[in-house]
Amino acid sequence: MAAKFRSKPARSTAFLRLAYSAPALSDSTVEDIRRLTLPATKALPFVKLRANDQPLWHPESFWHVESTGKRETDVRLGRKYARQAIAAMNSDHNRHLIAHVIQDIIRDAVERSRKKGRGASSAAVRGFLFEISEAMSAAR
């Protein structure tokens, strides 16, 4: 049996045009992107990035510091790192940066105490905390 095909006349339709325009970037959008990618934070010398770091990934460690073995040098280094962390925190609008650093300082201290079998304080950590304390008291 032969099938019948009906052909309907082609309708004359105007070309449909999809008009889409992306919203204009506002300052808050740009700041949100900047805050999420943390460029100043990731540039800090004591922050250890993950292998093949991606823009939205958090660093592997916010405190990766090797001691020089000289107490005064380490204290000065810790103070310098604190000033850099405060500047990065302000630049990235990341008010949690210092908390992340202190969390990783504690994690590092626990790991070092496991390896050595005793608690050992770090002069760089002391310098960092001294500088943060002074910055906080000066801000009042």
N, C-alpha and C. Protein backbone atom coordinates (compact mmCIF):
# COMPACT_ATOMS: atom_id res chain seq x y z
N MET A 1 0.83 -1.16 0.00
CA MET A 1 0.00 0.00 0.00
C MET A 1 0.88 1.22 0.00
N ALA A 2 0.58 2.09 -0.83
CA ALA A 2 1.36 3.32 -0.99
C ALA A 2 0.92 4.33 0.05
N ALA A 3 1.88 4.94 0.68
CA ALA A 3 1.58 5.97 1.69
C ALA A 3 1.47 7.30 1.01
N LYS A 4 0.54 8.06 1.48
CA LYS A 4 0.38 9.39 0.92
C LYS A 4 1.10 10.39 1.81
N PHE A 5 1.82 11.23 1.16
CA PHE A 5 2.49 12.30 1.89
C PHE A 5 1.82 13.60 1.53
N ARG A 6 1.42 14.28 2.55
CA ARG A 6 0.84 15.60 2.30
C ARG A 6 1.93 16.63 2.50
N SER A 7 2.08 17.43 1.60
CA SER A 7 3.03 18.51 1.79
C SER A 7 2.25 19.77 2.06
N LYS A 8 2.57 20.37 3.19
CA LYS A 8 1.91 21.61 3.55
C LYS A 8 2.71 22.75 2.95
N PRO A 9 2.02 23.75 2.54
CA PRO A 9 2.75 24.88 1.98
C PRO A 9 3.62 25.51 3.07
N ALA A 10 4.80 25.87 2.71
CA ALA A 10 5.72 26.50 3.67
C ALA A 10 5.15 27.83 4.11
N ARG A 11 5.12 28.03 5.39
CA ARG A 11 4.62 29.30 5.90
C ARG A 11 5.69 30.36 5.75
N SER A 12 5.24 31.48 5.48
CA SER A 12 6.15 32.60 5.38
C SER A 12 6.32 33.17 6.79
N THR A 13 7.39 32.78 7.40
CA THR A 13 7.65 33.30 8.75
C THR A 13 8.84 34.23 8.70
N ALA A 14 8.70 35.27 9.42
CA ALA A 14 9.83 36.20 9.51
C ALA A 14 10.95 35.52 10.28
N PHE A 15 12.14 35.88 9.97
CA PHE A 15 13.26 35.30 10.69
C PHE A 15 13.20 35.77 12.13
N LEU A 16 13.22 34.79 12.99
CA LEU A 16 13.21 35.12 14.41
C LEU A 16 14.62 35.45 14.84
N ARG A 17 14.72 36.46 15.61
CA ARG A 17 16.02 36.87 16.08
C ARG A 17 16.03 36.81 17.59
N LEU A 18 17.01 36.14 18.12
CA LEU A 18 17.15 36.06 19.56
C LEU A 18 18.11 37.17 19.98
N ALA A 19 17.59 38.05 20.73
CA ALA A 19 18.41 39.15 21.19
C ALA A 19 18.79 38.92 22.64
N TYR A 20 20.06 38.85 22.91
CA TYR A 20 20.52 38.67 24.28
C TYR A 20 21.72 39.56 24.48
N SER A 21 21.66 40.25 25.52
CA SER A 21 22.85 41.02 25.87
C SER A 21 23.18 40.71 27.31
N ALA A 22 24.41 40.37 27.54
CA ALA A 22 24.86 40.06 28.90
C ALA A 22 24.76 41.31 29.75
N PRO A 23 24.46 41.13 30.99
CA PRO A 23 24.39 42.30 31.85
C PRO A 23 25.76 42.96 31.95
N ALA A 24 25.74 44.25 32.08
CA ALA A 24 26.99 44.99 32.20
C ALA A 24 27.66 44.59 33.51
N LEU A 25 28.97 44.48 33.46
CA LEU A 25 29.70 44.14 34.67
C LEU A 25 29.66 45.32 35.62
N SER A 26 29.24 45.04 36.80
CA SER A 26 29.23 46.10 37.80
C SER A 26 30.51 45.98 38.63
N ASP A 27 30.78 47.00 39.39
CA ASP A 27 31.97 46.96 40.24
C ASP A 27 31.88 45.83 41.23
N SER A 28 30.68 45.54 41.73
CA SER A 28 30.55 44.46 42.71
C SER A 28 30.84 43.11 42.07
N THR A 29 30.47 42.90 40.81
CA THR A 29 30.76 41.65 40.12
C THR A 29 32.26 41.47 39.95
N VAL A 30 32.91 42.53 39.53
CA VAL A 30 34.36 42.47 39.35
C VAL A 30 35.04 42.20 40.69
N GLU A 31 34.58 42.84 41.74
CA GLU A 31 35.15 42.61 43.07
C GLU A 31 34.89 41.18 43.55
N ASP A 32 33.71 40.63 43.25
CA ASP A 32 33.42 39.25 43.64
C ASP A 32 34.36 38.28 42.93
N ILE A 33 34.59 38.50 41.65
CA ILE A 33 35.51 37.65 40.90
C ILE A 33 36.90 37.76 41.47
N ARG A 34 37.33 38.98 41.75
CA ARG A 34 38.66 39.20 42.33
C ARG A 34 38.77 38.51 43.69
N ARG A 35 37.71 38.63 44.51
CA ARG A 35 37.73 38.03 45.84
C ARG A 35 37.80 36.50 45.74
N LEU A 36 37.12 35.93 44.78
CA LEU A 36 37.10 34.47 44.64
C LEU A 36 38.41 33.91 44.07
N THR A 37 39.12 34.69 43.28
CA THR A 37 40.36 34.19 42.69
C THR A 37 41.57 34.48 43.57
N LEU A 38 41.45 35.38 44.53
CA LEU A 38 42.49 35.68 45.52
C LEU A 38 43.88 35.92 44.92
N PRO A 39 44.03 36.86 43.98
CA PRO A 39 45.34 37.03 43.36
C PRO A 39 46.43 37.50 44.31
N ALA A 40 46.11 38.42 45.22
CA ALA A 40 47.13 38.90 46.15
C ALA A 40 47.49 37.83 47.17
N THR A 41 46.51 37.10 47.62
CA THR A 41 46.75 36.03 48.59
C THR A 41 47.64 34.95 48.00
N LYS A 42 47.36 34.55 46.78
CA LYS A 42 48.14 33.49 46.15
C LYS A 42 49.56 33.94 45.81
N ALA A 43 49.80 35.23 45.78
CA ALA A 43 51.14 35.74 45.49
C ALA A 43 52.01 35.85 46.74
N LEU A 44 51.44 35.62 47.91
CA LEU A 44 52.22 35.73 49.15
C LEU A 44 53.31 34.66 49.18
N PRO A 45 54.51 35.02 49.68
CA PRO A 45 55.62 34.06 49.64
C PRO A 45 55.45 32.87 50.57
N PHE A 46 54.57 32.95 51.55
CA PHE A 46 54.39 31.85 52.50
C PHE A 46 53.16 31.00 52.19
N VAL A 47 52.48 31.28 51.09
CA VAL A 47 51.31 30.51 50.68
C VAL A 47 51.75 29.46 49.67
N LYS A 48 51.39 28.21 49.93
CA LYS A 48 51.74 27.11 49.02
C LYS A 48 50.53 26.77 48.17
N LEU A 49 50.69 26.89 46.86
CA LEU A 49 49.60 26.60 45.93
C LEU A 49 49.56 25.11 45.60
N ARG A 50 48.41 24.66 45.17
CA ARG A 50 48.25 23.27 44.75
C ARG A 50 48.93 23.08 43.40
N ALA A 51 49.27 21.84 43.10
CA ALA A 51 49.82 21.54 41.78
C ALA A 51 48.76 21.87 40.73
N ASN A 52 49.15 22.46 39.64
CA ASN A 52 48.23 22.87 38.57
C ASN A 52 47.10 23.76 39.10
N ASP A 53 47.47 24.75 39.89
CA ASP A 53 46.50 25.63 40.54
C ASP A 53 45.54 26.23 39.52
N GLN A 54 44.28 26.31 39.92
CA GLN A 54 43.21 26.91 39.11
C GLN A 54 42.74 28.17 39.82
N PRO A 55 42.19 29.13 39.10
CA PRO A 55 41.81 30.41 39.71
C PRO A 55 40.88 30.32 40.91
N LEU A 56 39.94 29.41 40.93
CA LEU A 56 38.97 29.36 42.03
C LEU A 56 39.38 28.39 43.14
N TRP A 57 40.52 27.76 43.03
CA TRP A 57 40.97 26.84 44.06
C TRP A 57 41.61 27.60 45.20
N HIS A 58 41.41 27.09 46.41
CA HIS A 58 42.11 27.63 47.56
C HIS A 58 43.52 27.06 47.59
N PRO A 59 44.46 27.78 48.17
CA PRO A 59 45.83 27.24 48.26
C PRO A 59 45.89 25.96 49.08
N GLU A 60 46.93 25.19 48.86
CA GLU A 60 47.13 23.97 49.63
C GLU A 60 47.40 24.30 51.09
N SER A 61 48.19 25.35 51.31
CA SER A 61 48.51 25.77 52.67
C SER A 61 48.68 27.29 52.70
N PHE A 62 48.13 27.90 53.72
CA PHE A 62 48.28 29.34 53.90
C PHE A 62 49.50 29.65 54.76
N TRP A 63 50.20 28.64 55.25
CA TRP A 63 51.42 28.86 56.03
C TRP A 63 52.41 27.77 55.70
N HIS A 64 53.36 28.12 54.82
CA HIS A 64 54.40 27.18 54.40
C HIS A 64 55.73 27.93 54.53
N VAL A 65 56.30 27.86 55.74
CA VAL A 65 57.50 28.63 56.06
C VAL A 65 58.55 27.69 56.63
N GLU A 66 59.75 27.79 56.09
CA GLU A 66 60.88 27.03 56.63
C GLU A 66 61.71 27.96 57.50
N SER A 67 62.10 27.48 58.64
CA SER A 67 62.90 28.27 59.57
C SER A 67 64.31 28.43 59.03
N THR A 68 64.88 29.61 59.27
CA THR A 68 66.28 29.85 58.88
C THR A 68 67.23 29.35 59.96
N GLY A 69 66.69 29.11 61.16
CA GLY A 69 67.52 28.67 62.28
C GLY A 69 68.02 29.84 63.11
N LYS A 70 67.80 31.04 62.64
CA LYS A 70 68.22 32.24 63.37
C LYS A 70 66.96 32.92 63.90
N ARG A 71 66.86 32.99 65.22
CA ARG A 71 65.63 33.48 65.85
C ARG A 71 65.25 34.88 65.40
N GLU A 72 66.17 35.82 65.46
CA GLU A 72 65.86 37.21 65.11
C GLU A 72 65.46 37.35 63.64
N THR A 73 66.13 36.62 62.79
CA THR A 73 65.79 36.66 61.36
C THR A 73 64.39 36.11 61.13
N ASP A 74 64.07 35.03 61.82
CA ASP A 74 62.74 34.43 61.68
C ASP A 74 61.64 35.34 62.23
N VAL A 75 61.91 36.02 63.34
CA VAL A 75 60.92 36.96 63.89
C VAL A 75 60.67 38.09 62.90
N ARG A 76 61.74 38.65 62.34
CA ARG A 76 61.59 39.72 61.34
C ARG A 76 60.82 39.22 60.12
N LEU A 77 61.12 37.99 59.71
CA LEU A 77 60.43 37.40 58.56
C LEU A 77 58.93 37.23 58.86
N GLY A 78 58.62 36.75 60.05
CA GLY A 78 57.22 36.59 60.45
C GLY A 78 56.49 37.92 60.47
N ARG A 79 57.14 38.97 60.97
CA ARG A 79 56.52 40.31 60.99
C ARG A 79 56.29 40.81 59.56
N LYS A 80 57.26 40.56 58.70
CA LYS A 80 57.13 40.97 57.30
C LYS A 80 55.96 40.24 56.64
N TYR A 81 55.85 38.95 56.90
CA TYR A 81 54.76 38.16 56.34
C TYR A 81 53.40 38.65 56.85
N ALA A 82 53.34 39.07 58.09
CA ALA A 82 52.08 39.59 58.64
C ALA A 82 51.67 40.87 57.93
N ARG A 83 52.63 41.76 57.70
CA ARG A 83 52.30 43.01 56.97
C ARG A 83 51.83 42.70 55.55
N GLN A 84 52.48 41.73 54.91
CA GLN A 84 52.07 41.34 53.56
C GLN A 84 50.69 40.69 53.58
N ALA A 85 50.40 39.91 54.60
CA ALA A 85 49.09 39.26 54.70
C ALA A 85 47.99 40.30 54.89
N ILE A 86 48.24 41.30 55.70
CA ILE A 86 47.25 42.36 55.92
C ILE A 86 47.00 43.11 54.62
N ALA A 87 48.06 43.41 53.87
CA ALA A 87 47.90 44.09 52.59
C ALA A 87 47.13 43.23 51.60
N ALA A 88 47.43 41.93 51.55
CA ALA A 88 46.71 41.02 50.64
C ALA A 88 45.25 40.89 51.05
N MET A 89 45.00 40.85 52.34
CA MET A 89 43.64 40.74 52.85
C MET A 89 42.82 41.95 52.41
N ASN A 90 43.41 43.13 52.50
CA ASN A 90 42.72 44.34 52.07
C ASN A 90 42.56 44.38 50.55
N SER A 91 43.57 43.96 49.83
CA SER A 91 43.51 43.97 48.37
C SER A 91 42.46 43.02 47.82
N ASP A 92 42.41 41.81 48.39
CA ASP A 92 41.46 40.80 47.91
C ASP A 92 40.09 40.91 48.57
N HIS A 93 39.94 41.81 49.52
CA HIS A 93 38.69 41.92 50.30
C HIS A 93 38.34 40.57 50.91
N ASN A 94 39.36 39.94 51.46
CA ASN A 94 39.23 38.60 52.03
C ASN A 94 39.45 38.71 53.53
N ARG A 95 38.39 38.95 54.27
CA ARG A 95 38.52 39.17 55.71
C ARG A 95 38.84 37.89 56.47
N HIS A 96 38.84 36.75 55.81
CA HIS A 96 39.11 35.48 56.46
C HIS A 96 40.57 35.04 56.31
N LEU A 97 41.37 35.81 55.63
CA LEU A 97 42.74 35.38 55.34
C LEU A 97 43.54 35.10 56.61
N ILE A 98 43.51 35.99 57.57
CA ILE A 98 44.30 35.80 58.79
C ILE A 98 43.82 34.54 59.52
N ALA A 99 42.53 34.29 59.53
CA ALA A 99 42.01 33.08 60.16
C ALA A 99 42.54 31.82 59.47
N HIS A 100 42.59 31.85 58.13
CA HIS A 100 43.13 30.70 57.39
C HIS A 100 44.61 30.50 57.71
N VAL A 101 45.35 31.60 57.81
CA VAL A 101 46.78 31.51 58.11
C VAL A 101 46.98 30.91 59.50
N ILE A 102 46.24 31.41 60.48
CA ILE A 102 46.39 30.90 61.85
C ILE A 102 45.98 29.43 61.93
N GLN A 103 44.96 29.06 61.21
CA GLN A 103 44.54 27.65 61.18
C GLN A 103 45.67 26.77 60.65
N ASP A 104 46.33 27.21 59.58
CA ASP A 104 47.42 26.42 59.03
C ASP A 104 48.68 26.49 59.89
N ILE A 105 48.87 27.58 60.64
CA ILE A 105 49.97 27.64 61.60
C ILE A 105 49.78 26.56 62.66
N ILE A 106 48.56 26.43 63.15
CA ILE A 106 48.27 25.40 64.16
C ILE A 106 48.46 24.01 63.57
N ARG A 107 47.97 23.80 62.36
CA ARG A 107 48.14 22.50 61.70
C ARG A 107 49.63 22.16 61.54
N ASP A 108 50.43 23.16 61.14
CA ASP A 108 51.86 22.96 60.97
C ASP A 108 52.53 22.64 62.31
N ALA A 109 52.12 23.32 63.38
CA ALA A 109 52.70 23.06 64.70
C ALA A 109 52.38 21.65 65.17
N VAL A 110 51.18 21.19 64.91
CA VAL A 110 50.80 19.82 65.31
C VAL A 110 51.64 18.81 64.53
N GLU A 111 51.82 19.02 63.24
CA GLU A 111 52.61 18.10 62.44
C GLU A 111 54.07 18.08 62.89
N ARG A 112 54.62 19.28 63.19
CA ARG A 112 56.01 19.34 63.65
C ARG A 112 56.18 18.64 64.99
N SER A 113 55.19 18.79 65.88
CA SER A 113 55.29 18.14 67.19
C SER A 113 55.19 16.62 67.05
N ARG A 114 54.44 16.14 66.08
CA ARG A 114 54.37 14.69 65.84
C ARG A 114 55.72 14.16 65.36
N LYS A 115 56.36 14.92 64.47
CA LYS A 115 57.64 14.48 63.92
C LYS A 115 58.74 14.49 64.97
N LYS A 116 58.78 15.58 65.77
CA LYS A 116 59.86 15.73 66.74
C LYS A 116 59.54 15.08 68.08
N GLY A 117 58.27 14.78 68.31
CA GLY A 117 57.90 14.17 69.57
C GLY A 117 57.74 15.17 70.71
N ARG A 118 57.89 16.43 70.42
CA ARG A 118 57.72 17.48 71.42
C ARG A 118 57.23 18.75 70.73
N GLY A 119 56.66 19.62 71.50
CA GLY A 119 56.19 20.89 70.94
C GLY A 119 57.34 21.84 70.72
N ALA A 120 57.38 22.44 69.58
CA ALA A 120 58.44 23.41 69.28
C ALA A 120 57.79 24.66 68.71
N SER A 121 58.11 25.79 69.29
CA SER A 121 57.53 27.03 68.78
C SER A 121 58.41 27.58 67.67
N SER A 122 57.80 28.29 66.79
CA SER A 122 58.49 28.85 65.64
C SER A 122 58.65 30.36 65.83
N ALA A 123 59.86 30.85 65.62
CA ALA A 123 60.10 32.28 65.75
C ALA A 123 59.35 33.06 64.67
N ALA A 124 59.20 32.47 63.49
CA ALA A 124 58.46 33.15 62.42
C ALA A 124 56.99 33.30 62.81
N VAL A 125 56.44 32.29 63.46
CA VAL A 125 55.05 32.36 63.92
C VAL A 125 54.92 33.44 64.98
N ARG A 126 55.86 33.49 65.90
CA ARG A 126 55.83 34.53 66.93
C ARG A 126 55.86 35.92 66.31
N GLY A 127 56.75 36.11 65.35
CA GLY A 127 56.83 37.41 64.68
C GLY A 127 55.53 37.75 63.97
N PHE A 128 54.95 36.76 63.31
CA PHE A 128 53.68 36.96 62.61
C PHE A 128 52.60 37.39 63.59
N LEU A 129 52.47 36.67 64.69
CA LEU A 129 51.44 36.97 65.67
C LEU A 129 51.70 38.30 66.39
N PHE A 130 52.97 38.64 66.66
CA PHE A 130 53.30 39.93 67.25
C PHE A 130 52.80 41.06 66.35
N GLU A 131 53.10 40.94 65.07
CA GLU A 131 52.73 42.01 64.12
C GLU A 131 51.22 42.11 63.96
N ILE A 132 50.53 40.99 63.90
CA ILE A 132 49.07 41.00 63.80
C ILE A 132 48.47 41.65 65.05
N SER A 133 49.01 41.30 66.22
CA SER A 133 48.52 41.89 67.47
C SER A 133 48.71 43.39 67.49
N GLU A 134 49.88 43.84 67.06
CA GLU A 134 50.14 45.27 67.04
C GLU A 134 49.24 46.00 66.05
N ALA A 135 49.00 45.37 64.90
CA ALA A 135 48.10 45.98 63.90
C ALA A 135 46.69 46.09 64.43
N MET A 136 46.26 45.06 65.15
CA MET A 136 44.90 45.09 65.72
C MET A 136 44.77 46.16 66.80
N SER A 137 45.78 46.28 67.64
CA SER A 137 45.70 47.28 68.70
C SER A 137 45.82 48.69 68.15
N ALA A 138 46.55 48.87 67.06
CA ALA A 138 46.68 50.19 66.45
C ALA A 138 45.40 50.60 65.72
N ALA A 139 44.61 49.62 65.31
CA ALA A 139 43.37 49.91 64.57
C ALA A 139 42.28 50.43 65.48
N ARG A 140 42.40 50.25 66.77
CA ARG A 140 41.38 50.71 67.72
C ARG A 140 41.39 52.15 67.82
